Amino acid sequence: FKKMNPFRFYTRLNQIRLLGIKARNLKELLEGIKIVPGSSIYYHTHRFLVRHHFLETGPTNDFAYWVGEILDEQEIAEKFGSVSILEHSSIKSLRDTFIRILEENIEGKDIKDVPPEKAFHFLSCRTFILPTGYQATNIEEFKEKIKIISIHSIFFHLFEARLRLSREENDFSCWLRDLGYPEIAKEIAKLDPYTETLETIREKILKICEEKC
């Protein structure tokens, strides 16, 4: 295999902030989704995935949770919950999908407000990317580092970097393909954060590497 630059593992920290934008009904949720910064859409669609390493069931994003549990609009909540991050390569694409769902489902609907204390508050996050100090120059070193890095580092390279930078491929698959392991890259790209916990995804990455090389 050709000589490659080492894979450097990073992690991230999020600083959460309140935007001062809230919704008490479906129309206000729609207007909020239209105007909030992309970092807000990102936060509300990814927070549950990071927590999913210890949650086995539940909503896949904050919008689905609020629409279903607070507004009791189960049909719309299911549509929100069915939106897969893996099918989108940009925040804009995610935003447009949520807008379309709401626009298609609130026309002619009797819009009711929830009490102020149950309003949806749009949050945003500022992300700080931090080096872990770990790196890999070959597949064996890659496997060793996958065993010890945090789930936050796994999440960053496998899902967050791809969406935030509008990449077609996650960091792991991109590096491994260039290293000469296209089958491993392909299998890792199939991993789904909606159906697997992050710890299970760690185990599957290791298993894929063991079986394919």
C-alpha atoms as a PDB file:
ATOM      1  CA  PHE A   1       0.000   0.000   0.000  1.00  0.00           C
ATOM      2  CA  LYS A   2       1.092   3.557  -0.697  1.00  0.00           C
ATOM      3  CA  LYS A   3       2.521   5.693   2.057  1.00  0.00           C
ATOM      4  CA  MET A   4      -0.223   7.824   3.634  1.00  0.00           C
ATOM      5  CA  ASN A   5      -0.455  10.766   5.924  1.00  0.00           C
ATOM      6  CA  PRO A   6      -1.377   9.558   9.410  1.00  0.00           C
ATOM      7  CA  PHE A   7      -4.977   9.660  10.522  1.00  0.00           C
ATOM      8  CA  ARG A   8      -5.207  12.157  13.369  1.00  0.00           C
ATOM      9  CA  PHE A   9      -8.066  11.630  15.788  1.00  0.00           C
ATOM     10  CA  TYR A  10      -9.996  14.656  16.978  1.00  0.00           C
ATOM     11  CA  THR A  11     -12.870  15.209  19.346  1.00  0.00           C
ATOM     12  CA  ARG A  12     -15.156  18.140  20.031  1.00  0.00           C
ATOM     13  CA  LEU A  13     -16.803  20.159  22.761  1.00  0.00           C
ATOM     14  CA  ASN A  14     -20.056  22.041  22.271  1.00  0.00           C
ATOM     15  CA  GLN A  15     -20.921  25.359  23.901  1.00  0.00           C
ATOM     16  CA  ILE A  16     -24.710  25.663  24.010  1.00  0.00           C
ATOM     17  CA  ARG A  17     -26.490  29.003  23.742  1.00  0.00           C
ATOM     18  CA  LEU A  18     -30.121  30.131  23.813  1.00  0.00           C
ATOM     19  CA  LEU A  19     -31.185  32.007  20.671  1.00  0.00           C
ATOM     20  CA  GLY A  20     -34.237  33.761  22.094  1.00  0.00           C
ATOM     21  CA  ILE A  21     -36.453  32.175  19.432  1.00  0.00           C
ATOM     22  CA  LYS A  22     -39.266  29.925  20.559  1.00  0.00           C
ATOM     23  CA  ALA A  23     -42.364  28.181  19.237  1.00  0.00           C
ATOM     24  CA  ARG A  24     -45.696  27.438  20.868  1.00  0.00           C
ATOM     25  CA  ASN A  25     -47.345  25.830  17.855  1.00  0.00           C
ATOM     26  CA  LEU A  26     -46.566  24.205  14.518  1.00  0.00           C
ATOM     27  CA  LYS A  27     -46.567  27.458  12.538  1.00  0.00           C
ATOM     28  CA  GLU A  28     -44.100  29.075  14.913  1.00  0.00           C
ATOM     29  CA  LEU A  29     -41.932  25.954  14.748  1.00  0.00           C
ATOM     30  CA  LEU A  30     -41.939  26.250  10.957  1.00  0.00           C
ATOM     31  CA  GLU A  31     -40.972  29.935  11.060  1.00  0.00           C
ATOM     32  CA  GLY A  32     -38.225  29.195  13.575  1.00  0.00           C
ATOM     33  CA  ILE A  33     -36.739  26.395  11.486  1.00  0.00           C
ATOM     34  CA  LYS A  34     -36.660  28.773   8.520  1.00  0.00           C
ATOM     35  CA  ILE A  35     -34.682  31.531  10.270  1.00  0.00           C
ATOM     36  CA  VAL A  36     -32.401  29.947  12.890  1.00  0.00           C
ATOM     37  CA  PRO A  37     -28.723  29.505  12.002  1.00  0.00           C
ATOM     38  CA  GLY A  38     -27.547  26.180  10.662  1.00  0.00           C
ATOM     39  CA  SER A  39     -25.818  25.428  13.957  1.00  0.00           C
ATOM     40  CA  SER A  40     -29.263  25.300  15.583  1.00  0.00           C
ATOM     41  CA  ILE A  41     -30.599  22.778  13.072  1.00  0.00           C
ATOM     42  CA  TYR A  42     -27.432  20.780  13.645  1.00  0.00           C
ATOM     43  CA  TYR A  43     -27.793  20.855  17.431  1.00  0.00           C
ATOM     44  CA  HIS A  44     -31.431  19.783  17.478  1.00  0.00           C
ATOM     45  CA  THR A  45     -30.841  16.895  15.065  1.00  0.00           C
ATOM     46  CA  HIS A  46     -27.606  15.539  16.576  1.00  0.00           C
ATOM     47  CA  ARG A  47     -28.048  15.846  20.333  1.00  0.00           C
ATOM     48  CA  PHE A  48     -29.986  12.607  20.611  1.00  0.00           C
ATOM     49  CA  LEU A  49     -27.454  10.694  18.539  1.00  0.00           C
ATOM     50  CA  VAL A  50     -24.623  11.480  20.949  1.00  0.00           C
ATOM     51  CA  ARG A  51     -26.799  10.430  23.887  1.00  0.00           C
ATOM     52  CA  HIS A  52     -27.829   7.264  22.022  1.00  0.00           C
ATOM     53  CA  HIS A  53     -24.803   5.369  23.378  1.00  0.00           C
ATOM     54  CA  PHE A  54     -26.919   4.688  26.468  1.00  0.00           C
ATOM     55  CA  LEU A  55     -30.425   5.197  25.064  1.00  0.00           C
ATOM     56  CA  GLU A  56     -31.864   2.253  23.203  1.00  0.00           C
ATOM     57  CA  THR A  57     -35.147   3.821  22.119  1.00  0.00           C
ATOM     58  CA  GLY A  58     -36.719   7.221  21.753  1.00  0.00           C
ATOM     59  CA  PRO A  59     -36.982  10.118  19.320  1.00  0.00           C
ATOM     60  CA  THR A  60     -34.166  10.801  16.888  1.00  0.00           C
ATOM     61  CA  ASN A  61     -34.276  14.597  17.102  1.00  0.00           C
ATOM     62  CA  ASP A  62     -35.623  17.381  19.302  1.00  0.00           C
ATOM     63  CA  PHE A  63     -38.272  18.419  16.771  1.00  0.00           C
ATOM     64  CA  ALA A  64     -39.784  14.934  16.708  1.00  0.00           C
ATOM     65  CA  TYR A  65     -39.833  14.802  20.502  1.00  0.00           C
ATOM     66  CA  TRP A  66     -41.551  18.183  20.957  1.00  0.00           C
ATOM     67  CA  VAL A  67     -44.107  17.673  18.188  1.00  0.00           C
ATOM     68  CA  GLY A  68     -45.008  14.218  19.492  1.00  0.00           C
ATOM     69  CA  GLU A  69     -44.767  14.585  23.261  1.00  0.00           C
ATOM     70  CA  ILE A  70     -45.817  18.217  23.740  1.00  0.00           C
ATOM     71  CA  LEU A  71     -48.081  18.977  20.764  1.00  0.00           C
ATOM     72  CA  ASP A  72     -49.360  15.384  20.521  1.00  0.00           C
ATOM     73  CA  GLU A  73     -49.138  15.519  16.724  1.00  0.00           C
ATOM     74  CA  GLN A  74     -48.048  11.935  16.303  1.00  0.00           C
ATOM     75  CA  GLU A  75     -48.226  11.732  12.515  1.00  0.00           C
ATOM     76  CA  ILE A  76     -45.968  14.749  12.021  1.00  0.00           C
ATOM     77  CA  ALA A  77     -43.684  13.554  14.817  1.00  0.00           C
ATOM     78  CA  GLU A  78     -43.211  10.240  13.025  1.00  0.00           C
ATOM     79  CA  LYS A  79     -42.272  12.037   9.831  1.00  0.00           C
ATOM     80  CA  PHE A  80     -39.747  14.162  11.703  1.00  0.00           C
ATOM     81  CA  GLY A  81     -38.393  11.074  13.392  1.00  0.00           C
ATOM     82  CA  SER A  82     -37.972   9.253  10.094  1.00  0.00           C
ATOM     83  CA  VAL A  83     -35.558  11.881   8.748  1.00  0.00           C
ATOM     84  CA  SER A  84     -32.162  10.182   8.554  1.00  0.00           C
ATOM     85  CA  ILE A  85     -29.029  12.277   8.873  1.00  0.00           C
ATOM     86  CA  LEU A  86     -27.198   9.732   6.725  1.00  0.00           C
ATOM     87  CA  GLU A  87     -29.348  10.707   3.752  1.00  0.00           C
ATOM     88  CA  HIS A  88     -28.275  14.355   3.956  1.00  0.00           C
ATOM     89  CA  SER A  89     -24.871  15.809   3.193  1.00  0.00           C
ATOM     90  CA  SER A  90     -25.642  19.370   4.311  1.00  0.00           C
ATOM     91  CA  ILE A  91     -27.486  21.307   7.012  1.00  0.00           C
ATOM     92  CA  LYS A  92     -29.475  23.061   4.290  1.00  0.00           C
ATOM     93  CA  SER A  93     -30.803  19.744   3.070  1.00  0.00           C
ATOM     94  CA  LEU A  94     -31.932  18.844   6.595  1.00  0.00           C
ATOM     95  CA  ARG A  95     -33.569  22.232   7.104  1.00  0.00           C
ATOM     96  CA  ASP A  96     -35.402  22.020   3.773  1.00  0.00           C
ATOM     97  CA  THR A  97     -36.710  18.570   4.661  1.00  0.00           C
ATOM     98  CA  PHE A  98     -38.181  19.738   7.975  1.00  0.00           C
ATOM     99  CA  ILE A  99     -39.720  22.776   6.280  1.00  0.00           C
ATOM    100  CA  ARG A 100     -41.316  20.569   3.633  1.00  0.00           C
ATOM    101  CA  ILE A 101     -42.760  18.197   6.248  1.00  0.00           C
ATOM    102  CA  LEU A 102     -44.368  21.048   8.143  1.00  0.00           C
ATOM    103  CA  GLU A 103     -45.661  22.889   5.093  1.00  0.00           C
ATOM    104  CA  GLU A 104     -47.245  19.718   3.731  1.00  0.00           C
ATOM    105  CA  ASN A 105     -48.932  18.829   7.010  1.00  0.00           C
ATOM    106  CA  ILE A 106     -50.180  22.022   8.663  1.00  0.00           C
ATOM    107  CA  GLU A 107     -52.292  23.434   5.842  1.00  0.00           C
ATOM    108  CA  GLY A 108     -55.894  23.512   6.995  1.00  0.00           C
ATOM    109  CA  LYS A 109     -54.959  22.199  10.449  1.00  0.00           C
ATOM    110  CA  ASP A 110     -56.407  23.780  13.587  1.00  0.00           C
ATOM    111  CA  ILE A 111     -53.320  25.366  15.138  1.00  0.00           C
ATOM    112  CA  LYS A 112     -53.289  25.397  18.931  1.00  0.00           C
ATOM    113  CA  ASP A 113     -50.763  26.985  21.268  1.00  0.00           C
ATOM    114  CA  VAL A 114     -49.169  25.162  24.170  1.00  0.00           C
ATOM    115  CA  PRO A 115     -48.579  27.020  27.458  1.00  0.00           C
ATOM    116  CA  PRO A 116     -45.457  29.230  27.548  1.00  0.00           C
ATOM    117  CA  GLU A 117     -43.650  26.802  29.838  1.00  0.00           C
ATOM    118  CA  LYS A 118     -43.959  24.074  27.194  1.00  0.00           C
ATOM    119  CA  ALA A 119     -42.672  26.176  24.297  1.00  0.00           C
ATOM    120  CA  PHE A 120     -39.902  24.878  22.061  1.00  0.00           C
ATOM    121  CA  HIS A 121     -36.759  26.945  22.620  1.00  0.00           C
ATOM    122  CA  PHE A 122     -34.322  26.982  19.739  1.00  0.00           C
ATOM    123  CA  LEU A 123     -30.766  26.417  20.882  1.00  0.00           C
ATOM    124  CA  SER A 124     -27.500  26.650  19.035  1.00  0.00           C
ATOM    125  CA  CYS A 125     -24.022  25.351  19.677  1.00  0.00           C
ATOM    126  CA  ARG A 126     -20.520  26.532  19.051  1.00  0.00           C
ATOM    127  CA  THR A 127     -18.215  23.595  18.422  1.00  0.00           C
ATOM    128  CA  PHE A 128     -14.577  23.472  19.456  1.00  0.00           C
ATOM    129  CA  ILE A 129     -12.497  20.842  17.638  1.00  0.00           C
ATOM    130  CA  LEU A 130      -9.729  19.430  19.827  1.00  0.00           C
ATOM    131  CA  PRO A 131      -6.863  17.040  19.042  1.00  0.00           C
ATOM    132  CA  THR A 132      -6.832  13.836  21.074  1.00  0.00           C
ATOM    133  CA  GLY A 133      -3.100  13.248  20.623  1.00  0.00           C
ATOM    134  CA  TYR A 134      -3.801   9.896  18.954  1.00  0.00           C
ATOM    135  CA  GLN A 135      -2.913   9.048  15.376  1.00  0.00           C
ATOM    136  CA  ALA A 136      -2.621   5.992  13.125  1.00  0.00           C
ATOM    137  CA  THR A 137      -0.297   5.303  10.213  1.00  0.00           C
ATOM    138  CA  ASN A 138      -1.624   1.853   9.305  1.00  0.00           C
ATOM    139  CA  ILE A 139      -4.646  -0.378   9.803  1.00  0.00           C
ATOM    140  CA  GLU A 140      -3.270  -2.029  12.948  1.00  0.00           C
ATOM    141  CA  GLU A 141      -2.663   1.313  14.645  1.00  0.00           C
ATOM    142  CA  PHE A 142      -6.101   2.449  13.508  1.00  0.00           C
ATOM    143  CA  LYS A 143      -7.728  -0.524  15.256  1.00  0.00           C
ATOM    144  CA  GLU A 144      -5.778   0.099  18.452  1.00  0.00           C
ATOM    145  CA  LYS A 145      -6.838   3.748  18.580  1.00  0.00           C
ATOM    146  CA  ILE A 146     -10.484   2.926  17.827  1.00  0.00           C
ATOM    147  CA  LYS A 147     -10.450   0.809  21.004  1.00  0.00           C
ATOM    148  CA  ILE A 148      -9.448   3.727  23.247  1.00  0.00           C
ATOM    149  CA  ILE A 149     -10.801   6.960  21.765  1.00  0.00           C
ATOM    150  CA  SER A 150     -14.000   8.407  23.242  1.00  0.00           C
ATOM    151  CA  ILE A 151     -17.411   7.959  21.673  1.00  0.00           C
ATOM    152  CA  HIS A 152     -17.355  11.711  21.012  1.00  0.00           C
ATOM    153  CA  SER A 153     -14.328  11.248  18.790  1.00  0.00           C
ATOM    154  CA  ILE A 154     -16.045   8.380  16.959  1.00  0.00           C
ATOM    155  CA  PHE A 155     -19.144  10.504  16.485  1.00  0.00           C
ATOM    156  CA  PHE A 156     -17.121  13.447  15.202  1.00  0.00           C
ATOM    157  CA  HIS A 157     -15.247  11.500  12.534  1.00  0.00           C
ATOM    158  CA  LEU A 158     -18.069   9.205  11.501  1.00  0.00           C
ATOM    159  CA  PHE A 159     -21.019  11.607  11.390  1.00  0.00           C
ATOM    160  CA  GLU A 160     -20.354  15.177  12.453  1.00  0.00           C
ATOM    161  CA  ALA A 161     -17.440  16.040  10.163  1.00  0.00           C
ATOM    162  CA  ARG A 162     -19.300  14.676   7.146  1.00  0.00           C
ATOM    163  CA  LEU A 163     -22.419  16.787   7.639  1.00  0.00           C
ATOM    164  CA  ARG A 164     -20.811  19.974   8.886  1.00  0.00           C
ATOM    165  CA  LEU A 165     -18.307  20.037   6.037  1.00  0.00           C
ATOM    166  CA  SER A 166     -20.816  18.707   3.481  1.00  0.00           C
ATOM    167  CA  ARG A 167     -18.642  15.724   2.657  1.00  0.00           C
ATOM    168  CA  GLU A 168     -19.949  12.688   0.828  1.00  0.00           C
ATOM    169  CA  GLU A 169     -17.931  10.333   3.015  1.00  0.00           C
ATOM    170  CA  ASN A 170     -16.989  10.068   6.677  1.00  0.00           C
ATOM    171  CA  ASP A 171     -13.389  10.628   7.801  1.00  0.00           C
ATOM    172  CA  PHE A 172     -12.690   6.972   8.603  1.00  0.00           C
ATOM    173  CA  SER A 173     -13.898   5.651   5.251  1.00  0.00           C
ATOM    174  CA  CYS A 174     -12.090   8.345   3.307  1.00  0.00           C
ATOM    175  CA  TRP A 175      -8.738   7.576   4.953  1.00  0.00           C
ATOM    176  CA  LEU A 176      -9.135   3.806   4.811  1.00  0.00           C
ATOM    177  CA  ARG A 177     -10.096   3.881   1.136  1.00  0.00           C
ATOM    178  CA  ASP A 178      -7.000   5.923   0.331  1.00  0.00           C
ATOM    179  CA  LEU A 179      -4.957   3.519   2.434  1.00  0.00           C
ATOM    180  CA  GLY A 180      -6.062   0.660   0.187  1.00  0.00           C
ATOM    181  CA  TYR A 181      -9.028  -0.841   2.016  1.00  0.00           C
ATOM    182  CA  PRO A 182     -12.103   0.031  -0.087  1.00  0.00           C
ATOM    183  CA  GLU A 183     -14.224  -2.803   1.321  1.00  0.00           C
ATOM    184  CA  ILE A 184     -13.615  -1.684   4.906  1.00  0.00           C
ATOM    185  CA  ALA A 185     -14.403   1.892   3.910  1.00  0.00           C
ATOM    186  CA  LYS A 186     -17.647   0.780   2.270  1.00  0.00           C
ATOM    187  CA  GLU A 187     -18.808  -1.247   5.267  1.00  0.00           C
ATOM    188  CA  ILE A 188     -18.024   1.507   7.783  1.00  0.00           C
ATOM    189  CA  ALA A 189     -19.954   3.991   5.639  1.00  0.00           C
ATOM    190  CA  LYS A 190     -23.062   1.828   6.113  1.00  0.00           C
ATOM    191  CA  LEU A 191     -23.083   2.154   9.912  1.00  0.00           C
ATOM    192  CA  ASP A 192     -26.257   3.848  11.115  1.00  0.00           C
ATOM    193  CA  PRO A 193     -26.340   5.924  14.336  1.00  0.00           C
ATOM    194  CA  TYR A 194     -30.129   5.526  14.501  1.00  0.00           C
ATOM    195  CA  THR A 195     -30.084   1.773  14.930  1.00  0.00           C
ATOM    196  CA  GLU A 196     -26.776   1.322  16.778  1.00  0.00           C
ATOM    197  CA  THR A 197     -25.344   2.815  19.932  1.00  0.00           C
ATOM    198  CA  LEU A 198     -21.953   4.475  19.552  1.00  0.00           C
ATOM    199  CA  GLU A 199     -20.320   1.737  21.613  1.00  0.00           C
ATOM    200  CA  THR A 200     -21.836  -0.870  19.318  1.00  0.00           C
ATOM    201  CA  ILE A 201     -20.568   1.109  16.336  1.00  0.00           C
ATOM    202  CA  ARG A 202     -17.076   1.035  17.864  1.00  0.00           C
ATOM    203  CA  GLU A 203     -17.306  -2.757  18.118  1.00  0.00           C
ATOM    204  CA  LYS A 204     -18.560  -3.060  14.547  1.00  0.00           C
ATOM    205  CA  ILE A 205     -15.729  -0.915  13.177  1.00  0.00           C
ATOM    206  CA  LEU A 206     -13.238  -3.234  14.876  1.00  0.00           C
ATOM    207  CA  LYS A 207     -15.044  -6.330  13.608  1.00  0.00           C
ATOM    208  CA  ILE A 208     -15.134  -4.985  10.047  1.00  0.00           C
ATOM    209  CA  CYS A 209     -11.414  -4.235  10.178  1.00  0.00           C
ATOM    210  CA  GLU A 210     -10.633  -7.705  11.514  1.00  0.00           C
ATOM    211  CA  GLU A 211     -12.736  -9.487   8.904  1.00  0.00           C
ATOM    212  CA  LYS A 212     -11.709  -7.460   5.844  1.00  0.00           C
ATOM    213  CA  CYS A 213      -7.920  -7.276   6.288  1.00  0.00           C
END
